Full PDB file with SEQRES, HELIX, SHEET, SSBOND, CRYST1, ORIGX, SCALE, CONECT and MASTER records, all heavy atoms in Angstrom:
SEQRES   1 A   31  GLU VAL GLY GLU THR GLU THR ARG VAL LEU MET TRP SER          
SEQRES   2 A   31  GLN LEU GLU LEU ASN ALA LEU TYR GLU ARG ILE GLY GLY          
SEQRES   3 A   31  THR VAL THR SER ARG                                          
HELIX    1 AA1 GLN A   14  ILE A   24  1                                  11    
CRYST1    1.000    1.000    1.000  90.00  90.00  90.00 P 1           1          
ORIGX1      1.000000  0.000000  0.000000        0.00000                         
ORIGX2      0.000000  1.000000  0.000000        0.00000                         
ORIGX3      0.000000  0.000000  1.000000        0.00000                         
SCALE1      1.000000  0.000000  0.000000        0.00000                         
SCALE2      0.000000  1.000000  0.000000        0.00000                         
SCALE3      0.000000  0.000000  1.000000        0.00000                         
ATOM      1  N   GLU A   1       0.810  -1.223   0.000  1.00  0.00           N  
ATOM      2  CA  GLU A   1       0.000   0.000   0.000  1.00  0.00           C  
ATOM      3  C   GLU A   1       0.844   1.274   0.000  1.00  0.00           C  
ATOM      4  O   GLU A   1       0.360   2.343  -0.334  1.00  0.00           O  
ATOM      5  CB  GLU A   1      -0.992   0.009   1.176  1.00  0.00           C  
ATOM      6  CG  GLU A   1      -0.357   0.128   2.547  1.00  0.00           C  
ATOM      7  CD  GLU A   1       0.092  -1.188   3.167  1.00  0.00           C  
ATOM      8  OE1 GLU A   1       0.086  -2.230   2.483  1.00  0.00           O  
ATOM      9  OE2 GLU A   1       0.460  -1.168   4.342  1.00  0.00           O  
ATOM     10  N   VAL A   2       2.130   1.162   0.369  1.00  0.00           N  
ATOM     11  CA  VAL A   2       3.020   2.330   0.334  1.00  0.00           C  
ATOM     12  C   VAL A   2       4.113   2.173  -0.723  1.00  0.00           C  
ATOM     13  O   VAL A   2       5.074   2.922  -0.750  1.00  0.00           O  
ATOM     14  CB  VAL A   2       3.646   2.633   1.720  1.00  0.00           C  
ATOM     15  CG1 VAL A   2       2.584   3.033   2.722  1.00  0.00           C  
ATOM     16  CG2 VAL A   2       4.463   1.466   2.227  1.00  0.00           C  
ATOM     17  N   GLY A   3       3.967   1.165  -1.592  1.00  0.00           N  
ATOM     18  CA  GLY A   3       4.893   0.995  -2.699  1.00  0.00           C  
ATOM     19  C   GLY A   3       6.066   0.065  -2.431  1.00  0.00           C  
ATOM     20  O   GLY A   3       6.984  -0.008  -3.240  1.00  0.00           O  
ATOM     21  N   GLU A   4       6.054  -0.639  -1.312  1.00  0.00           N  
ATOM     22  CA  GLU A   4       7.140  -1.570  -1.030  1.00  0.00           C  
ATOM     23  C   GLU A   4       6.898  -2.898  -1.734  1.00  0.00           C  
ATOM     24  O   GLU A   4       5.755  -3.308  -1.932  1.00  0.00           O  
ATOM     25  CB  GLU A   4       7.272  -1.835   0.472  1.00  0.00           C  
ATOM     26  CG  GLU A   4       7.874  -0.699   1.241  1.00  0.00           C  
ATOM     27  CD  GLU A   4       8.111  -1.047   2.697  1.00  0.00           C  
ATOM     28  OE1 GLU A   4       7.299  -1.765   3.298  1.00  0.00           O  
ATOM     29  OE2 GLU A   4       9.129  -0.596   3.225  1.00  0.00           O  
ATOM     30  N   THR A   5       7.999  -3.535  -2.104  1.00  0.00           N  
ATOM     31  CA  THR A   5       7.963  -4.881  -2.663  1.00  0.00           C  
ATOM     32  C   THR A   5       9.040  -5.680  -1.940  1.00  0.00           C  
ATOM     33  O   THR A   5       9.698  -5.168  -1.039  1.00  0.00           O  
ATOM     34  CB  THR A   5       8.247  -4.876  -4.178  1.00  0.00           C  
ATOM     35  OG1 THR A   5       9.597  -4.446  -4.391  1.00  0.00           O  
ATOM     36  CG2 THR A   5       7.286  -3.975  -4.942  1.00  0.00           C  
ATOM     37  N   GLU A   6       9.241  -6.913  -2.363  1.00  0.00           N  
ATOM     38  CA  GLU A   6      10.288  -7.741  -1.750  1.00  0.00           C  
ATOM     39  C   GLU A   6      11.676  -7.165  -2.000  1.00  0.00           C  
ATOM     40  O   GLU A   6      12.623  -7.476  -1.294  1.00  0.00           O  
ATOM     41  CB  GLU A   6      10.231  -9.180  -2.279  1.00  0.00           C  
ATOM     42  CG  GLU A   6       9.029  -9.963  -1.817  1.00  0.00           C  
ATOM     43  CD  GLU A   6       7.780  -9.654  -2.642  1.00  0.00           C  
ATOM     44  OE1 GLU A   6       7.854  -8.929  -3.658  1.00  0.00           O  
ATOM     45  OE2 GLU A   6       6.706 -10.143  -2.262  1.00  0.00           O  
ATOM     46  N   THR A   7      11.802  -6.307  -3.026  1.00  0.00           N  
ATOM     47  CA  THR A   7      13.114  -5.743  -3.362  1.00  0.00           C  
ATOM     48  C   THR A   7      13.138  -4.216  -3.308  1.00  0.00           C  
ATOM     49  O   THR A   7      14.084  -3.583  -3.766  1.00  0.00           O  
ATOM     50  CB  THR A   7      13.547  -6.190  -4.777  1.00  0.00           C  
ATOM     51  OG1 THR A   7      12.566  -5.768  -5.715  1.00  0.00           O  
ATOM     52  CG2 THR A   7      13.741  -7.702  -4.833  1.00  0.00           C  
ATOM     53  N   ARG A   8      12.131  -3.615  -2.740  1.00  0.00           N  
ATOM     54  CA  ARG A   8      12.088  -2.150  -2.551  1.00  0.00           C  
ATOM     55  C   ARG A   8      11.595  -1.870  -1.146  1.00  0.00           C  
ATOM     56  O   ARG A   8      10.455  -2.179  -0.802  1.00  0.00           O  
ATOM     57  CB  ARG A   8      11.177  -1.498  -3.579  1.00  0.00           C  
ATOM     58  CG  ARG A   8      11.135   0.017  -3.477  1.00  0.00           C  
ATOM     59  CD  ARG A   8      10.331   0.607  -4.628  1.00  0.00           C  
ATOM     60  NE  ARG A   8      10.038   1.999  -4.456  1.00  0.00           N  
ATOM     61  CZ  ARG A   8      10.854   2.985  -4.799  1.00  0.00           C  
ATOM     62  NH1 ARG A   8      12.019   2.718  -5.332  1.00  0.00           N  
ATOM     63  NH2 ARG A   8      10.507   4.242  -4.617  1.00  0.00           N  
ATOM     64  N   VAL A   9      12.474  -1.283  -0.335  1.00  0.00           N  
ATOM     65  CA  VAL A   9      12.198  -1.033   1.082  1.00  0.00           C  
ATOM     66  C   VAL A   9      12.162   0.473   1.320  1.00  0.00           C  
ATOM     67  O   VAL A   9      13.109   1.178   0.957  1.00  0.00           O  
ATOM     68  CB  VAL A   9      13.307  -1.659   1.965  1.00  0.00           C  
ATOM     69  CG1 VAL A   9      13.038  -1.409   3.438  1.00  0.00           C  
ATOM     70  CG2 VAL A   9      13.449  -3.143   1.673  1.00  0.00           C  
ATOM     71  N   LEU A  10      11.079   0.973   1.903  1.00  0.00           N  
ATOM     72  CA  LEU A  10      11.002   2.395   2.241  1.00  0.00           C  
ATOM     73  C   LEU A  10      11.589   2.606   3.629  1.00  0.00           C  
ATOM     74  O   LEU A  10      11.232   1.909   4.574  1.00  0.00           O  
ATOM     75  CB  LEU A  10       9.554   2.882   2.219  1.00  0.00           C  
ATOM     76  CG  LEU A  10       8.855   2.866   0.872  1.00  0.00           C  
ATOM     77  CD1 LEU A  10       7.446   3.420   1.000  1.00  0.00           C  
ATOM     78  CD2 LEU A  10       9.626   3.650  -0.155  1.00  0.00           C  
ATOM     79  N   MET A  11      12.479   3.570   3.733  1.00  0.00           N  
ATOM     80  CA  MET A  11      13.084   3.924   5.010  1.00  0.00           C  
ATOM     81  C   MET A  11      12.396   5.180   5.526  1.00  0.00           C  
ATOM     82  O   MET A  11      11.880   5.988   4.756  1.00  0.00           O  
ATOM     83  CB  MET A  11      14.584   4.156   4.860  1.00  0.00           C  
ATOM     84  CG  MET A  11      15.332   2.968   4.256  1.00  0.00           C  
ATOM     85  SD  MET A  11      15.225   1.457   5.212  1.00  0.00           S  
ATOM     86  CE  MET A  11      16.405   1.793   6.481  1.00  0.00           C  
ATOM     87  N   TRP A  12      12.411   5.367   6.846  1.00  0.00           N  
ATOM     88  CA  TRP A  12      11.701   6.475   7.482  1.00  0.00           C  
ATOM     89  C   TRP A  12      12.292   7.827   7.101  1.00  0.00           C  
ATOM     90  O   TRP A  12      11.578   8.778   6.833  1.00  0.00           O  
ATOM     91  CB  TRP A  12      11.745   6.280   8.995  1.00  0.00           C  
ATOM     92  CG  TRP A  12      10.973   7.299   9.737  1.00  0.00           C  
ATOM     93  CD1 TRP A  12      11.481   8.351  10.440  1.00  0.00           C  
ATOM     94  CD2 TRP A  12       9.554   7.393   9.855  1.00  0.00           C  
ATOM     95  NE1 TRP A  12      10.475   9.089  10.989  1.00  0.00           N  
ATOM     96  CE2 TRP A  12       9.276   8.519  10.642  1.00  0.00           C  
ATOM     97  CE3 TRP A  12       8.497   6.648   9.366  1.00  0.00           C  
ATOM     98  CZ2 TRP A  12       7.981   8.910  10.956  1.00  0.00           C  
ATOM     99  CZ3 TRP A  12       7.208   7.046   9.683  1.00  0.00           C  
ATOM    100  CH2 TRP A  12       6.969   8.146  10.474  1.00  0.00           C  
ATOM    101  N   SER A  13      13.627   7.940   7.104  1.00  0.00           N  
ATOM    102  CA  SER A  13      14.253   9.230   6.825  1.00  0.00           C  
ATOM    103  C   SER A  13      15.650   9.028   6.267  1.00  0.00           C  
ATOM    104  O   SER A  13      16.182   7.918   6.275  1.00  0.00           O  
ATOM    105  CB  SER A  13      14.346  10.066   8.099  1.00  0.00           C  
ATOM    106  OG  SER A  13      15.334   9.521   8.958  1.00  0.00           O  
ATOM    107  N   GLN A  14      16.259  10.127   5.848  1.00  0.00           N  
ATOM    108  CA  GLN A  14      17.632  10.042   5.359  1.00  0.00           C  
ATOM    109  C   GLN A  14      18.598   9.653   6.475  1.00  0.00           C  
ATOM    110  O   GLN A  14      19.649   9.073   6.212  1.00  0.00           O  
ATOM    111  CB  GLN A  14      18.077  11.338   4.680  1.00  0.00           C  
ATOM    112  CG  GLN A  14      18.212  12.538   5.584  1.00  0.00           C  
ATOM    113  CD  GLN A  14      17.008  13.450   5.511  1.00  0.00           C  
ATOM    114  OE1 GLN A  14      15.894  13.017   5.229  1.00  0.00           O  
ATOM    115  NE2 GLN A  14      17.211  14.727   5.773  1.00  0.00           N  
ATOM    116  N   LEU A  15      18.242   9.923   7.716  1.00  0.00           N  
ATOM    117  CA  LEU A  15      19.116   9.521   8.821  1.00  0.00           C  
ATOM    118  C   LEU A  15      19.115   8.001   8.973  1.00  0.00           C  
ATOM    119  O   LEU A  15      20.166   7.381   9.181  1.00  0.00           O  
ATOM    120  CB  LEU A  15      18.671  10.199  10.120  1.00  0.00           C  
ATOM    121  CG  LEU A  15      18.685  11.730  10.098  1.00  0.00           C  
ATOM    122  CD1 LEU A  15      18.147  12.285  11.400  1.00  0.00           C  
ATOM    123  CD2 LEU A  15      20.064  12.265   9.793  1.00  0.00           C  
ATOM    124  N   GLU A  16      17.944   7.388   8.852  1.00  0.00           N  
ATOM    125  CA  GLU A  16      17.846   5.931   8.917  1.00  0.00           C  
ATOM    126  C   GLU A  16      18.533   5.292   7.707  1.00  0.00           C  
ATOM    127  O   GLU A  16      19.251   4.298   7.841  1.00  0.00           O  
ATOM    128  CB  GLU A  16      16.376   5.516   8.980  1.00  0.00           C  
ATOM    129  CG  GLU A  16      16.183   4.031   9.145  1.00  0.00           C  
ATOM    130  CD  GLU A  16      14.722   3.610   9.137  1.00  0.00           C  
ATOM    131  OE1 GLU A  16      13.904   4.258   8.460  1.00  0.00           O  
ATOM    132  OE2 GLU A  16      14.420   2.623   9.814  1.00  0.00           O  
ATOM    133  N   LEU A  17      18.337   5.875   6.535  1.00  0.00           N  
ATOM    134  CA  LEU A  17      18.973   5.356   5.321  1.00  0.00           C  
ATOM    135  C   LEU A  17      20.494   5.509   5.408  1.00  0.00           C  
ATOM    136  O   LEU A  17      21.242   4.625   4.999  1.00  0.00           O  
ATOM    137  CB  LEU A  17      18.427   6.065   4.085  1.00  0.00           C  
ATOM    138  CG  LEU A  17      18.882   5.519   2.738  1.00  0.00           C  
ATOM    139  CD1 LEU A  17      18.454   4.070   2.549  1.00  0.00           C  
ATOM    140  CD2 LEU A  17      18.326   6.382   1.611  1.00  0.00           C  
ATOM    141  N   ASN A  18      20.960   6.616   5.987  1.00  0.00           N  
ATOM    142  CA  ASN A  18      22.393   6.826   6.164  1.00  0.00           C  
ATOM    143  C   ASN A  18      22.983   5.771   7.095  1.00  0.00           C  
ATOM    144  O   ASN A  18      24.059   5.227   6.830  1.00  0.00           O  
ATOM    145  CB  ASN A  18      22.657   8.227   6.716  1.00  0.00           C  
ATOM    146  CG  ASN A  18      24.128   8.537   6.793  1.00  0.00           C  
ATOM    147  OD1 ASN A  18      24.802   8.631   5.778  1.00  0.00           O  
ATOM    148  ND2 ASN A  18      24.642   8.672   8.004  1.00  0.00           N  
ATOM    149  N   ALA A  19      22.284   5.472   8.186  1.00  0.00           N  
ATOM    150  CA  ALA A  19      22.766   4.434   9.119  1.00  0.00           C  
ATOM    151  C   ALA A  19      22.858   3.086   8.409  1.00  0.00           C  
ATOM    152  O   ALA A  19      23.821   2.339   8.601  1.00  0.00           O  
ATOM    153  CB  ALA A  19      21.845   4.345  10.331  1.00  0.00           C  
ATOM    154  N   LEU A  20      21.875   2.785   7.564  1.00  0.00           N  
ATOM    155  CA  LEU A  20      21.897   1.539   6.795  1.00  0.00           C  
ATOM    156  C   LEU A  20      23.090   1.533   5.842  1.00  0.00           C  
ATOM    157  O   LEU A  20      23.824   0.553   5.761  1.00  0.00           O  
ATOM    158  CB  LEU A  20      20.590   1.368   6.012  1.00  0.00           C  
ATOM    159  CG  LEU A  20      20.513   0.142   5.113  1.00  0.00           C  
ATOM    160  CD1 LEU A  20      20.235  -1.099   5.959  1.00  0.00           C  
ATOM    161  CD2 LEU A  20      19.445   0.306   4.057  1.00  0.00           C  
ATOM    162  N   TYR A  21      23.296   2.651   5.140  1.00  0.00           N  
ATOM    163  CA  TYR A  21      24.412   2.750   4.200  1.00  0.00           C  
ATOM    164  C   TYR A  21      25.762   2.589   4.922  1.00  0.00           C  
ATOM    165  O   TYR A  21      26.648   1.896   4.447  1.00  0.00           O  
ATOM    166  CB  TYR A  21      24.366   4.086   3.461  1.00  0.00           C  
ATOM    167  CG  TYR A  21      25.561   4.308   2.573  1.00  0.00           C  
ATOM    168  CD1 TYR A  21      25.714   3.594   1.394  1.00  0.00           C  
ATOM    169  CD2 TYR A  21      26.557   5.219   2.924  1.00  0.00           C  
ATOM    170  CE1 TYR A  21      26.821   3.781   0.580  1.00  0.00           C  
ATOM    171  CE2 TYR A  21      27.662   5.415   2.128  1.00  0.00           C  
ATOM    172  CZ  TYR A  21      27.793   4.690   0.961  1.00  0.00           C  
ATOM    173  OH  TYR A  21      28.888   4.869   0.164  1.00  0.00           O  
ATOM    174  N   GLU A  22      25.907   3.225   6.069  1.00  0.00           N  
ATOM    175  CA  GLU A  22      27.155   3.102   6.817  1.00  0.00           C  
ATOM    176  C   GLU A  22      27.392   1.666   7.286  1.00  0.00           C  
ATOM    177  O   GLU A  22      28.517   1.230   7.408  1.00  0.00           O  
ATOM    178  CB  GLU A  22      27.157   4.046   8.012  1.00  0.00           C  
ATOM    179  CG  GLU A  22      27.313   5.503   7.616  1.00  0.00           C  
ATOM    180  CD  GLU A  22      27.276   6.448   8.801  1.00  0.00           C  
ATOM    181  OE1 GLU A  22      26.662   6.115   9.840  1.00  0.00           O  
ATOM    182  OE2 GLU A  22      27.871   7.546   8.682  1.00  0.00           O  
ATOM    183  N   ARG A  23      26.319   0.940   7.528  1.00  0.00           N  
ATOM    184  CA  ARG A  23      26.427  -0.438   8.019  1.00  0.00           C  
ATOM    185  C   ARG A  23      26.709  -1.440   6.901  1.00  0.00           C  
ATOM    186  O   ARG A  23      27.524  -2.343   7.071  1.00  0.00           O  
ATOM    187  CB  ARG A  23      25.125  -0.808   8.754  1.00  0.00           C  
ATOM    188  CG  ARG A  23      25.219  -1.990   9.652  1.00  0.00           C  
ATOM    189  CD  ARG A  23      23.978  -2.205  10.522  1.00  0.00           C  
ATOM    190  NE  ARG A  23      22.775  -2.446   9.763  1.00  0.00           N  
ATOM    191  CZ  ARG A  23      21.738  -1.611   9.687  1.00  0.00           C  
ATOM    192  NH1 ARG A  23      21.748  -0.470  10.323  1.00  0.00           N  
ATOM    193  NH2 ARG A  23      20.677  -1.913   8.967  1.00  0.00           N  
ATOM    194  N   ILE A  24      26.038  -1.290   5.731  1.00  0.00           N  
ATOM    195  CA  ILE A  24      26.167  -2.326   4.699  1.00  0.00           C  
ATOM    196  C   ILE A  24      26.716  -1.830   3.370  1.00  0.00           C  
ATOM    197  O   ILE A  24      27.006  -2.636   2.495  1.00  0.00           O  
ATOM    198  CB  ILE A  24      24.826  -3.056   4.455  1.00  0.00           C  
ATOM    199  CG1 ILE A  24      23.778  -2.099   3.902  1.00  0.00           C  
ATOM    200  CG2 ILE A  24      24.349  -3.756   5.701  1.00  0.00           C  
ATOM    201  CD1 ILE A  24      22.495  -2.774   3.480  1.00  0.00           C  
ATOM    202  N   GLY A  25      26.849  -0.507   3.195  1.00  0.00           N  
ATOM    203  CA  GLY A  25      27.372   0.012   1.927  1.00  0.00           C  
ATOM    204  C   GLY A  25      26.321  -0.021   0.833  1.00  0.00           C  
ATOM    205  O   GLY A  25      25.128  -0.044   1.094  1.00  0.00           O  
ATOM    206  N   GLY A  26      26.786  -0.033  -0.408  1.00  0.00           N  
ATOM    207  CA  GLY A  26      25.885  -0.061  -1.554  1.00  0.00           C  
ATOM    208  C   GLY A  26      26.155   1.096  -2.488  1.00  0.00           C  
ATOM    209  O   GLY A  26      27.102   1.862  -2.312  1.00  0.00           O  
ATOM    210  N   THR A  27      25.299   1.241  -3.484  1.00  0.00           N  
ATOM    211  CA  THR A  27      25.398   2.317  -4.463  1.00  0.00           C  
ATOM    212  C   THR A  27      24.322   3.337  -4.169  1.00  0.00           C  
ATOM    213  O   THR A  27      23.140   2.985  -4.048  1.00  0.00           O  
ATOM    214  CB  THR A  27      25.218   1.764  -5.898  1.00  0.00           C  
ATOM    215  OG1 THR A  27      26.193   0.745  -6.115  1.00  0.00           O  
ATOM    216  CG2 THR A  27      25.376   2.856  -6.928  1.00  0.00           C  
ATOM    217  N   VAL A  28      24.707   4.597  -4.058  1.00  0.00           N  
ATOM    218  CA  VAL A  28      23.764   5.665  -3.720  1.00  0.00           C  
ATOM    219  C   VAL A  28      23.425   6.459  -4.977  1.00  0.00           C  
ATOM    220  O   VAL A  28      24.321   6.857  -5.715  1.00  0.00           O  
ATOM    221  CB  VAL A  28      24.363   6.610  -2.657  1.00  0.00           C  
ATOM    222  CG1 VAL A  28      23.357   7.688  -2.268  1.00  0.00           C  
ATOM    223  CG2 VAL A  28      24.806   5.828  -1.431  1.00  0.00           C  
ATOM    224  N   THR A  29      22.135   6.675  -5.180  1.00  0.00           N  
ATOM    225  CA  THR A  29      21.670   7.512  -6.290  1.00  0.00           C  
ATOM    226  C   THR A  29      20.598   8.458  -5.773  1.00  0.00           C  
ATOM    227  O   THR A  29      20.028   8.247  -4.692  1.00  0.00           O  
ATOM    228  CB  THR A  29      21.090   6.669  -7.443  1.00  0.00           C  
ATOM    229  OG1 THR A  29      20.040   5.845  -6.937  1.00  0.00           O  
ATOM    230  CG2 THR A  29      22.159   5.804  -8.089  1.00  0.00           C  
ATOM    231  N   SER A  30      20.326   9.479  -6.560  1.00  0.00           N  
ATOM    232  CA  SER A  30      19.317  10.470  -6.193  1.00  0.00           C  
ATOM    233  C   SER A  30      18.558  10.867  -7.445  1.00  0.00           C  
ATOM    234  O   SER A  30      19.137  10.917  -8.534  1.00  0.00           O  
ATOM    235  CB  SER A  30      20.023  11.683  -5.577  1.00  0.00           C  
ATOM    236  OG  SER A  30      19.115  12.725  -5.361  1.00  0.00           O  
ATOM    237  N   ARG A  31      17.281  11.157  -7.293  1.00  0.00           N  
ATOM    238  CA  ARG A  31      16.481  11.612  -8.437  1.00  0.00           C  
ATOM    239  C   ARG A  31      15.311  12.435  -7.933  1.00  0.00           C  
ATOM    240  O   ARG A  31      14.912  12.335  -6.762  1.00  0.00           O  
ATOM    241  CB  ARG A  31      15.976  10.431  -9.264  1.00  0.00           C  
ATOM    242  CG  ARG A  31      14.985   9.554  -8.528  1.00  0.00           C  
ATOM    243  CD  ARG A  31      14.555   8.356  -9.351  1.00  0.00           C  
ATOM    244  NE  ARG A  31      13.543   7.601  -8.616  1.00  0.00           N  
ATOM    245  CZ  ARG A  31      12.448   7.098  -9.155  1.00  0.00           C  
ATOM    246  NH1 ARG A  31      12.224   7.236 -10.445  1.00  0.00           N  
ATOM    247  NH2 ARG A  31      11.586   6.421  -8.420  1.00  0.00           N  
TER     248      ARG A  31                                                      
MASTER        0    0    0    1    0    0    0    6  247    1    0    3          
END                                                                             
């Protein structure tokens, strides 16, 4: 109902997403 799928996860804020990125890495994009 909020657009999530098994491969798309919505994070609460950029602070939460930043903590995730610092923990596991990955490729960052913006649009």
